[in-house]
N, C-alpha and C. Protein backbone atom coordinates (compact mmCIF):
# COMPACT_ATOMS: atom_id res chain seq x y z
N MET A 1 123.60 92.95 96.60
CA MET A 1 124.74 93.39 97.50
C MET A 1 125.17 92.57 98.68
N ALA A 2 124.30 92.03 99.18
CA ALA A 2 124.80 91.19 100.44
C ALA A 2 125.51 89.84 99.93
N ARG A 3 125.18 89.51 98.79
CA ARG A 3 126.03 88.30 98.16
C ARG A 3 127.36 88.61 97.99
N ASP A 4 127.96 89.79 97.83
CA ASP A 4 129.30 90.35 97.67
C ASP A 4 129.93 90.48 98.91
N MET A 5 129.01 90.42 100.19
CA MET A 5 129.80 90.77 101.41
C MET A 5 130.10 89.48 102.20
N SER A 6 131.19 89.61 102.99
CA SER A 6 131.40 88.36 104.13
C SER A 6 130.35 88.41 105.22
N ASP A 7 130.39 87.41 105.81
CA ASP A 7 129.56 87.16 106.92
C ASP A 7 129.81 88.27 108.13
N LYS A 8 131.01 88.60 108.26
CA LYS A 8 131.63 89.61 109.03
C LYS A 8 131.13 90.91 108.72
N ASP A 9 131.23 91.16 107.43
CA ASP A 9 130.76 92.64 107.02
C ASP A 9 129.15 92.58 107.15
N ILE A 10 128.38 91.62 107.02
CA ILE A 10 126.97 91.86 107.12
C ILE A 10 126.51 91.79 108.65
N LEU A 11 127.29 91.15 109.67
CA LEU A 11 126.98 91.40 110.85
C LEU A 11 127.45 92.73 111.41
N LYS A 12 128.61 93.29 110.82
CA LYS A 12 128.84 94.64 111.37
C LYS A 12 128.12 95.72 110.73
N MET A 13 127.50 95.32 109.60
CA MET A 13 126.36 96.33 109.04
C MET A 13 125.13 96.29 109.85
N GLU A 14 124.75 95.17 110.38
CA GLU A 14 123.58 94.93 111.05
C GLU A 14 123.62 95.75 112.54
N ILE A 15 124.89 95.53 112.99
CA ILE A 15 125.18 96.04 114.27
C ILE A 15 125.27 97.70 114.26
N GLU A 16 125.79 98.18 113.22
CA GLU A 16 125.65 99.77 112.83
C GLU A 16 124.31 100.12 112.84
N GLN A 17 123.54 99.30 112.13
CA GLN A 17 122.10 99.78 111.97
C GLN A 17 121.19 99.69 113.26
N LEU A 18 121.62 98.64 114.08
CA LEU A 18 120.94 98.65 115.35
C LEU A 18 121.57 99.71 116.51
N GLN A 19 122.77 100.16 116.21
CA GLN A 19 123.27 101.26 117.18
C GLN A 19 122.45 102.54 116.77
N LYS A 20 122.17 102.79 115.44
CA LYS A 20 121.44 103.97 115.04
C LYS A 20 119.96 103.94 115.54
N GLU A 21 119.35 102.61 115.35
CA GLU A 21 118.09 102.56 115.80
C GLU A 21 117.76 102.79 117.33
N VAL A 22 118.70 102.35 118.23
CA VAL A 22 118.46 102.23 119.77
C VAL A 22 118.65 103.83 120.05
N LYS A 23 119.27 104.66 119.21
CA LYS A 23 119.33 106.15 119.56
C LYS A 23 117.83 106.80 119.19
N ASN A 24 117.20 106.29 118.64
CA ASN A 24 115.86 106.87 118.24
C ASN A 24 114.93 107.05 119.44
N THR A 25 114.29 108.03 119.72
CA THR A 25 113.29 108.22 120.65
C THR A 25 112.13 107.27 120.39
N ARG A 26 111.63 106.60 121.36
CA ARG A 26 110.30 105.67 121.15
C ARG A 26 109.17 106.39 121.81
N GLU A 27 108.04 106.40 121.09
CA GLU A 27 106.78 106.95 121.56
C GLU A 27 105.76 105.77 121.78
N PRO A 28 104.93 105.90 122.52
CA PRO A 28 103.72 104.80 122.63
C PRO A 28 102.91 104.86 121.43
N VAL A 29 102.40 103.87 121.05
CA VAL A 29 101.47 103.67 119.81
C VAL A 29 99.98 104.55 120.19
N SER A 30 99.71 104.48 121.38
CA SER A 30 98.49 105.27 121.69
C SER A 30 98.41 106.67 121.43
N LYS A 31 99.72 107.09 121.43
CA LYS A 31 99.94 108.59 121.27
C LYS A 31 100.09 108.88 119.53
N THR A 32 101.09 108.21 119.27
CA THR A 32 101.41 108.30 117.82
C THR A 32 100.22 107.89 116.83
N ALA A 33 99.46 106.93 117.28
CA ALA A 33 98.29 106.65 116.24
C ALA A 33 97.29 107.65 116.35
N LYS A 34 96.99 108.40 117.41
CA LYS A 34 96.26 109.57 117.55
C LYS A 34 96.59 110.41 116.70
N GLU A 35 98.05 110.96 116.67
CA GLU A 35 98.49 112.06 115.80
C GLU A 35 98.34 111.79 114.43
N LEU A 36 98.70 110.40 114.07
CA LEU A 36 98.56 109.91 112.73
C LEU A 36 97.25 110.21 112.04
N CYS A 37 96.06 109.75 112.95
CA CYS A 37 95.00 109.97 112.18
C CYS A 37 94.42 111.27 112.23
N GLU A 38 94.84 112.24 113.19
CA GLU A 38 94.58 113.73 112.95
C GLU A 38 95.17 114.27 112.00
N PHE A 39 96.47 113.90 111.51
CA PHE A 39 97.18 114.30 110.39
C PHE A 39 96.55 113.85 109.04
N VAL A 40 96.18 112.66 108.98
CA VAL A 40 95.65 112.28 107.82
C VAL A 40 94.22 112.87 107.49
N GLU A 41 93.48 113.12 108.40
CA GLU A 41 92.21 113.67 108.32
C GLU A 41 92.20 115.05 107.92
N ALA A 42 93.18 115.61 108.39
CA ALA A 42 93.68 117.19 108.19
C ALA A 42 93.89 117.45 106.61
N GLN A 43 94.72 116.15 106.17
CA GLN A 43 95.21 116.27 104.78
C GLN A 43 94.10 115.67 103.78
N SER A 44 93.18 115.14 104.35
CA SER A 44 92.40 114.44 103.24
C SER A 44 91.63 115.28 102.16
N ALA A 45 91.38 116.62 102.47
CA ALA A 45 90.90 117.49 101.69
C ALA A 45 91.69 117.60 100.47
N GLU A 46 92.98 117.38 100.47
CA GLU A 46 93.96 117.61 99.24
C GLU A 46 94.50 116.42 98.74
N ASP A 47 93.92 115.24 99.28
CA ASP A 47 94.31 113.96 98.84
C ASP A 47 93.58 113.47 97.52
N PRO A 48 94.47 113.40 96.29
CA PRO A 48 93.78 113.11 95.16
C PRO A 48 93.15 111.67 95.08
N LEU A 49 93.48 110.72 96.01
CA LEU A 49 92.89 109.40 95.97
C LEU A 49 91.42 109.31 96.71
N ILE A 50 91.27 110.45 97.40
CA ILE A 50 90.04 110.76 98.10
C ILE A 50 89.08 111.56 97.25
N LYS A 51 89.73 112.74 96.80
CA LYS A 51 89.14 113.75 96.30
C LYS A 51 88.84 113.61 94.71
N GLY A 52 89.79 113.03 94.13
CA GLY A 52 89.78 112.61 92.57
C GLY A 52 90.59 113.78 91.97
N VAL A 53 90.76 113.39 90.63
CA VAL A 53 91.66 114.38 89.90
C VAL A 53 90.80 114.97 88.87
N PRO A 54 90.73 116.28 88.73
CA PRO A 54 89.81 116.86 87.68
C PRO A 54 90.26 116.22 86.31
N GLU A 55 89.33 116.13 85.26
CA GLU A 55 89.57 115.60 84.04
C GLU A 55 90.67 116.44 83.32
N ASP A 56 90.60 117.77 83.36
CA ASP A 56 91.58 118.61 82.66
C ASP A 56 93.04 118.51 83.18
N LYS A 57 93.20 118.20 84.54
CA LYS A 57 94.61 118.11 85.02
C LYS A 57 95.04 116.61 85.12
N ASN A 58 94.15 115.54 84.68
CA ASN A 58 94.71 114.21 84.81
C ASN A 58 95.87 113.93 83.62
N PRO A 59 97.09 113.76 84.06
CA PRO A 59 98.16 113.51 83.05
C PRO A 59 97.99 112.20 82.47
N PHE A 60 97.23 111.23 82.83
CA PHE A 60 96.95 109.93 82.21
C PHE A 60 95.89 109.80 81.22
N LYS A 61 95.21 110.90 81.31
CA LYS A 61 93.87 110.99 80.27
C LYS A 61 94.40 110.86 78.72
N GLU A 62 93.76 110.13 77.96
CA GLU A 62 94.30 109.99 76.74
C GLU A 62 93.94 111.21 75.83
N LYS A 63 95.03 111.49 75.13
CA LYS A 63 94.92 112.75 74.32
C LYS A 63 93.97 112.69 73.22
N GLY A 64 93.92 111.71 72.46
CA GLY A 64 92.99 111.67 71.28
C GLY A 64 91.99 110.44 71.69
N GLY A 65 91.15 110.49 70.67
CA GLY A 65 90.16 109.32 70.78
C GLY A 65 90.43 108.19 69.88
N CYS A 66 89.73 107.13 69.79
CA CYS A 66 90.12 105.80 69.11
C CYS A 66 89.17 106.01 68.03
N ILE A 67 89.50 105.90 66.65
CA ILE A 67 88.57 105.87 65.62
C ILE A 67 88.83 104.51 64.96
N ILE A 68 87.73 103.72 64.98
CA ILE A 68 87.64 102.71 63.95
C ILE A 68 86.88 102.61 62.78
N THR A 69 87.61 102.60 61.76
CA THR A 69 87.11 102.47 60.15
C THR A 69 86.98 101.36 59.60
């Protein structure tokens, strides 16, 4: 996409993005990291990467077996 744009268009797009970002409220990492850890720990009981997927609900489980004759 950027190859089809002139340098002026690219700079204009970057400035527009920076104007959007400057409007975002900033929070200190010390506060947000604590909140993020609490959220992850609260959701860990439902996380399939931690809990695992039951065999009967695994969509990637092979439907049939392999028979070598």
